[in-house]
Amino acid sequence: LLTVTSFPRLGCPGFTLPEYKPTPVEKGVSKSLFFPDEAINRHPRFSTLTRNIRHRRGEKVVINVPIF
């Protein structure tokens, strides 16, 4: 039995079904380079939380994970 804490192909092209493309500069909630807004939970609370975090920081949240 394998336990995975995230999608195995998270951030790779075509990791959602149906396939959605991230919209980093267009209108949207997260404006993420890797994760499409359609993959975020559809409850209004999650989109508002994402928008508020980005607003308080004054910039997009950048999390770079080294690949070993």
N, C-alpha and C. Protein backbone atom coordinates (compact mmCIF):
# COMPACT_ATOMS: atom_id res chain seq x y z
N LEU A 1 0.85 -1.18 0.00
CA LEU A 1 0.00 0.00 0.00
C LEU A 1 0.89 1.23 0.00
N LEU A 2 0.59 2.17 -0.87
CA LEU A 2 1.38 3.38 -1.03
C LEU A 2 0.55 4.58 -0.60
N THR A 3 1.12 5.44 0.22
CA THR A 3 0.45 6.66 0.65
C THR A 3 1.10 7.84 -0.04
N VAL A 4 0.30 8.64 -0.73
CA VAL A 4 0.80 9.78 -1.47
C VAL A 4 0.11 11.03 -0.91
N THR A 5 0.89 12.07 -0.60
CA THR A 5 0.32 13.27 0.00
C THR A 5 -0.13 14.30 -1.03
N SER A 6 0.20 14.08 -2.30
CA SER A 6 -0.24 14.98 -3.36
C SER A 6 -0.42 14.18 -4.64
N PHE A 7 -0.96 14.83 -5.66
CA PHE A 7 -1.10 14.15 -6.94
C PHE A 7 0.29 13.79 -7.46
N PRO A 8 0.50 12.58 -7.96
CA PRO A 8 1.82 12.20 -8.44
C PRO A 8 2.34 13.08 -9.57
N ARG A 9 1.45 13.57 -10.43
CA ARG A 9 1.87 14.40 -11.55
C ARG A 9 1.53 15.87 -11.32
N LEU A 10 1.43 16.30 -10.10
CA LEU A 10 1.05 17.67 -9.77
C LEU A 10 1.98 18.68 -10.43
N GLY A 11 1.42 19.58 -11.22
CA GLY A 11 2.19 20.60 -11.89
C GLY A 11 2.68 20.23 -13.28
N CYS A 12 2.61 18.95 -13.63
CA CYS A 12 3.00 18.53 -14.98
C CYS A 12 1.86 18.86 -15.95
N PRO A 13 2.16 19.08 -17.21
CA PRO A 13 1.08 19.32 -18.18
C PRO A 13 0.12 18.13 -18.23
N GLY A 14 -1.17 18.41 -18.20
CA GLY A 14 -2.17 17.36 -18.33
C GLY A 14 -2.38 16.53 -17.09
N PHE A 15 -2.15 17.08 -15.88
CA PHE A 15 -2.34 16.27 -14.67
C PHE A 15 -3.78 16.26 -14.19
N THR A 16 -4.64 17.09 -14.79
CA THR A 16 -6.06 17.09 -14.43
C THR A 16 -6.86 16.42 -15.53
N LEU A 17 -8.03 15.93 -15.18
CA LEU A 17 -8.92 15.31 -16.15
C LEU A 17 -10.30 15.89 -15.96
N PRO A 18 -10.88 16.66 -16.84
CA PRO A 18 -10.33 17.08 -18.13
C PRO A 18 -9.15 18.02 -17.94
N GLU A 19 -8.35 18.15 -18.98
CA GLU A 19 -7.12 18.92 -18.89
C GLU A 19 -7.41 20.43 -18.87
N TYR A 20 -6.84 21.11 -17.89
CA TYR A 20 -6.93 22.56 -17.77
C TYR A 20 -5.53 23.14 -17.77
N LYS A 21 -5.40 24.33 -18.31
CA LYS A 21 -4.09 24.99 -18.32
C LYS A 21 -4.09 26.10 -17.28
N PRO A 22 -2.98 26.29 -16.56
CA PRO A 22 -2.88 27.40 -15.61
C PRO A 22 -2.96 28.75 -16.32
N THR A 23 -3.52 29.73 -15.63
CA THR A 23 -3.64 31.08 -16.19
C THR A 23 -2.92 32.05 -15.25
N PRO A 24 -1.59 32.16 -15.39
CA PRO A 24 -0.82 32.95 -14.42
C PRO A 24 -1.01 34.46 -14.53
N VAL A 25 -1.37 35.00 -15.68
CA VAL A 25 -1.48 36.45 -15.81
C VAL A 25 -2.89 36.92 -16.11
N GLU A 26 -3.76 36.03 -16.50
CA GLU A 26 -5.13 36.42 -16.79
C GLU A 26 -5.94 36.50 -15.51
N LYS A 27 -7.21 36.86 -15.64
CA LYS A 27 -8.06 36.90 -14.46
C LYS A 27 -8.17 35.49 -13.87
N GLY A 28 -8.24 35.43 -12.60
CA GLY A 28 -8.32 34.14 -11.93
C GLY A 28 -8.05 34.32 -10.45
N VAL A 29 -8.16 33.26 -9.72
CA VAL A 29 -8.00 33.32 -8.27
C VAL A 29 -6.54 33.22 -7.86
N SER A 30 -5.88 32.15 -8.26
CA SER A 30 -4.52 31.91 -7.78
C SER A 30 -3.45 32.54 -8.66
N LYS A 31 -3.71 32.68 -9.94
CA LYS A 31 -2.72 33.17 -10.91
C LYS A 31 -1.43 32.35 -10.82
N SER A 32 -1.58 31.06 -10.60
CA SER A 32 -0.45 30.16 -10.44
C SER A 32 0.18 29.81 -11.77
N LEU A 33 1.50 29.60 -11.76
CA LEU A 33 2.21 29.17 -12.96
C LEU A 33 2.01 27.68 -13.23
N PHE A 34 1.68 26.90 -12.19
CA PHE A 34 1.64 25.45 -12.32
C PHE A 34 0.29 24.81 -12.04
N PHE A 35 -0.57 25.46 -11.27
CA PHE A 35 -1.81 24.83 -10.80
C PHE A 35 -3.01 25.60 -11.33
N PRO A 36 -3.90 24.98 -12.13
CA PRO A 36 -5.06 25.69 -12.67
C PRO A 36 -6.11 25.97 -11.60
N ASP A 37 -6.84 27.06 -11.77
CA ASP A 37 -7.88 27.43 -10.82
C ASP A 37 -9.01 26.39 -10.78
N GLU A 38 -9.24 25.68 -11.88
CA GLU A 38 -10.31 24.68 -11.93
C GLU A 38 -10.01 23.49 -11.02
N ALA A 39 -8.75 23.29 -10.64
CA ALA A 39 -8.39 22.18 -9.77
C ALA A 39 -8.54 22.54 -8.29
N ILE A 40 -8.76 23.82 -7.98
CA ILE A 40 -9.00 24.24 -6.60
C ILE A 40 -10.42 23.86 -6.22
N ASN A 41 -10.66 23.54 -4.97
CA ASN A 41 -12.00 23.21 -4.50
C ASN A 41 -12.97 24.30 -4.92
N ARG A 42 -14.16 23.94 -5.37
CA ARG A 42 -15.12 24.91 -5.89
C ARG A 42 -15.85 25.71 -4.83
N HIS A 43 -15.68 25.38 -3.59
CA HIS A 43 -16.34 26.14 -2.52
C HIS A 43 -15.79 27.56 -2.51
N PRO A 44 -16.65 28.58 -2.39
CA PRO A 44 -16.18 29.98 -2.44
C PRO A 44 -15.14 30.32 -1.39
N ARG A 45 -15.13 29.62 -0.28
CA ARG A 45 -14.18 29.91 0.79
C ARG A 45 -12.74 29.70 0.33
N PHE A 46 -12.47 28.67 -0.48
CA PHE A 46 -11.11 28.38 -0.92
C PHE A 46 -10.60 29.42 -1.91
N SER A 47 -11.45 29.85 -2.83
CA SER A 47 -11.00 30.88 -3.77
C SER A 47 -10.78 32.20 -3.06
N THR A 48 -11.63 32.54 -2.08
CA THR A 48 -11.45 33.76 -1.31
C THR A 48 -10.18 33.70 -0.47
N LEU A 49 -9.90 32.57 0.14
CA LEU A 49 -8.68 32.39 0.93
C LEU A 49 -7.44 32.58 0.06
N THR A 50 -7.44 31.98 -1.12
CA THR A 50 -6.30 32.12 -2.04
C THR A 50 -6.10 33.57 -2.46
N ARG A 51 -7.19 34.24 -2.80
CA ARG A 51 -7.12 35.64 -3.21
C ARG A 51 -6.61 36.52 -2.06
N ASN A 52 -7.09 36.28 -0.85
CA ASN A 52 -6.67 37.08 0.32
C ASN A 52 -5.20 36.89 0.66
N ILE A 53 -4.71 35.67 0.57
CA ILE A 53 -3.29 35.41 0.84
C ILE A 53 -2.42 36.18 -0.15
N ARG A 54 -2.78 36.12 -1.43
CA ARG A 54 -2.02 36.84 -2.44
C ARG A 54 -2.09 38.35 -2.22
N HIS A 55 -3.25 38.85 -1.80
CA HIS A 55 -3.42 40.29 -1.56
C HIS A 55 -2.59 40.76 -0.36
N ARG A 56 -2.60 39.99 0.74
CA ARG A 56 -1.84 40.38 1.95
C ARG A 56 -0.34 40.38 1.71
N ARG A 57 0.14 39.42 0.93
CA ARG A 57 1.58 39.34 0.64
C ARG A 57 2.02 40.41 -0.34
N GLY A 58 1.10 40.88 -1.18
CA GLY A 58 1.44 41.87 -2.18
C GLY A 58 2.09 41.28 -3.42
N GLU A 59 2.19 39.96 -3.47
CA GLU A 59 2.79 39.26 -4.60
C GLU A 59 2.30 37.83 -4.61
N LYS A 60 2.62 37.12 -5.68
CA LYS A 60 2.25 35.71 -5.75
C LYS A 60 3.09 34.91 -4.76
N VAL A 61 2.53 33.84 -4.25
CA VAL A 61 3.26 32.95 -3.35
C VAL A 61 4.16 32.07 -4.21
N VAL A 62 5.44 32.09 -3.93
CA VAL A 62 6.42 31.32 -4.70
C VAL A 62 7.02 30.26 -3.79
N ILE A 63 6.77 29.01 -4.12
CA ILE A 63 7.34 27.90 -3.36
C ILE A 63 8.14 27.06 -4.33
N ASN A 64 9.44 27.14 -4.25
CA ASN A 64 10.32 26.37 -5.11
C ASN A 64 10.90 25.21 -4.31
N VAL A 65 10.61 24.01 -4.77
CA VAL A 65 11.09 22.80 -4.10
C VAL A 65 12.23 22.21 -4.91
N PRO A 66 13.37 21.99 -4.30
CA PRO A 66 14.48 21.40 -5.05
C PRO A 66 14.17 19.96 -5.44
N ILE A 67 14.59 19.60 -6.63
CA ILE A 67 14.42 18.23 -7.12
C ILE A 67 15.75 17.51 -6.97
N PHE A 68 15.74 16.42 -6.23
CA PHE A 68 16.95 15.66 -6.01
C PHE A 68 17.02 14.46 -6.91
